[in-house]
Amino acid sequence: MMEEAITMCPENPMGYLTLGLVYERDYMLGNTKAPRETIEKGIELTQKALAMDGSIARGPGLLCLLYMLTENMTSRLLRGNGLWPSTPVGHLNFPIMPIP
């Protein structure tokens, strides 16, 4: 359905953002056979929406969540801040469901 909305009105960034959210939900609910590709597609669509209109309130948060779900970001969090896993703050920065 969102693909149809994007086809009908490609200049509206909300279609891309909403479809990015659908990909995020598919991943979180386990409705995908290709989790990495699902997250990558969600990132791509969210970035496109934000490039079209950077004032979309939900965009940066969704993009942040999608990045947190990637293996690359997980490994950066594990190495990057020196907090993981020795302090409670380190645990707050770790994604809930990293890609296997």
Protein backbone atom coordinates (compact mmCIF):
# COMPACT_ATOMS: atom_id res chain seq x y z
CA MET A 1 0.00 0.00 0.00
CA MET A 2 2.79 2.47 0.85
CA GLU A 3 4.52 1.60 -2.39
CA GLU A 4 1.37 2.72 -4.21
CA ALA A 5 1.30 5.97 -2.25
CA ILE A 6 4.95 6.62 -3.17
CA THR A 7 4.20 5.87 -6.83
CA MET A 8 1.25 8.25 -6.81
CA CYS A 9 3.02 11.04 -4.92
CA PRO A 10 6.81 10.54 -5.06
CA GLU A 11 7.51 14.10 -3.89
CA ASN A 12 5.93 13.45 -0.48
CA PRO A 13 8.58 12.33 2.04
CA MET A 14 6.02 10.86 4.46
CA GLY A 15 5.49 7.86 2.16
CA TYR A 16 9.19 7.00 2.31
CA LEU A 17 9.32 7.54 6.07
CA THR A 18 6.25 5.40 6.68
CA LEU A 19 7.60 2.59 4.53
CA GLY A 20 10.89 2.83 6.45
CA LEU A 21 8.87 2.41 9.64
CA VAL A 22 7.13 -0.63 8.14
CA TYR A 23 10.52 -2.22 7.45
CA GLU A 24 11.60 -1.50 11.03
CA ARG A 25 8.42 -3.10 12.40
CA ASP A 26 8.83 -6.12 10.12
CA TYR A 27 12.28 -6.65 11.59
CA MET A 28 11.20 -6.11 15.20
CA LEU A 29 8.26 -8.52 14.83
CA GLY A 30 10.37 -11.13 13.07
CA ASN A 31 8.33 -10.94 9.85
CA THR A 32 11.34 -11.05 7.57
CA LYS A 33 13.51 -13.82 6.18
CA ALA A 34 16.31 -11.33 5.40
CA PRO A 35 16.78 -9.13 8.47
CA ARG A 36 19.90 -7.34 7.25
CA GLU A 37 18.29 -6.36 3.94
CA THR A 38 15.13 -5.27 5.75
CA ILE A 39 17.06 -2.89 8.01
CA GLU A 40 19.17 -1.60 5.11
CA LYS A 41 16.04 -0.84 3.09
CA GLY A 42 14.52 0.94 6.10
CA ILE A 43 17.67 3.06 6.45
CA GLU A 44 17.65 3.91 2.75
CA LEU A 45 14.00 4.99 2.78
CA THR A 46 14.35 7.01 5.97
CA GLN A 47 17.43 8.78 4.65
CA LYS A 48 15.55 9.61 1.45
CA ALA A 49 12.64 11.07 3.43
CA LEU A 50 14.99 13.19 5.54
CA ALA A 51 16.85 14.38 2.44
CA MET A 52 13.54 15.57 1.03
CA ASP A 53 12.41 17.24 4.27
CA GLY A 54 14.79 17.41 7.21
CA SER A 55 12.11 18.81 9.50
CA ILE A 56 10.17 15.53 9.79
CA ALA A 57 10.03 14.99 13.54
CA ARG A 58 10.05 11.19 13.57
CA GLY A 59 12.78 10.76 10.96
CA PRO A 60 15.96 11.14 13.02
CA GLY A 61 14.69 8.85 15.76
CA LEU A 62 13.73 6.15 13.28
CA LEU A 63 17.06 6.45 11.52
CA CYS A 64 18.88 6.17 14.85
CA LEU A 65 16.91 3.05 15.77
CA LEU A 66 17.60 1.45 12.40
CA TYR A 67 21.32 2.17 12.72
CA MET A 68 21.31 0.68 16.21
CA LEU A 69 19.91 -2.53 14.79
CA THR A 70 22.77 -2.99 12.35
CA GLU A 71 25.68 -5.23 13.19
CA ASN A 72 28.12 -2.46 12.37
CA MET A 73 26.60 -0.12 14.95
CA THR A 74 26.45 -2.89 17.52
CA SER A 75 30.16 -3.56 17.16
CA ARG A 76 30.90 0.18 17.41
CA LEU A 77 28.90 0.42 20.61
CA LEU A 78 30.71 -2.57 22.05
CA ARG A 79 34.11 -1.07 21.26
CA GLY A 80 33.47 2.64 21.08
CA ASN A 81 32.56 4.19 24.39
CA GLY A 82 34.47 1.92 26.76
CA LEU A 83 31.38 1.60 28.93
CA TRP A 84 30.09 -1.72 27.62
CA PRO A 85 29.41 -3.85 29.58
CA SER A 86 30.98 -2.60 32.82
CA THR A 87 28.45 0.13 33.69
CA PRO A 88 24.68 0.49 33.52
CA VAL A 89 25.09 3.34 31.02
CA GLY A 90 26.78 0.97 28.60
CA HIS A 91 23.79 -1.35 28.73
CA LEU A 92 21.44 1.50 27.81
CA ASN A 93 23.33 2.05 24.56
CA PHE A 94 23.08 -1.54 23.38
CA PRO A 95 20.35 -2.41 20.84
CA ILE A 96 17.55 -4.66 21.97
CA MET A 97 17.67 -7.04 19.00
CA PRO A 98 20.94 -6.97 17.02
CA ILE A 99 20.91 -8.71 13.66
CA PRO A 100 22.19 -12.29 14.02
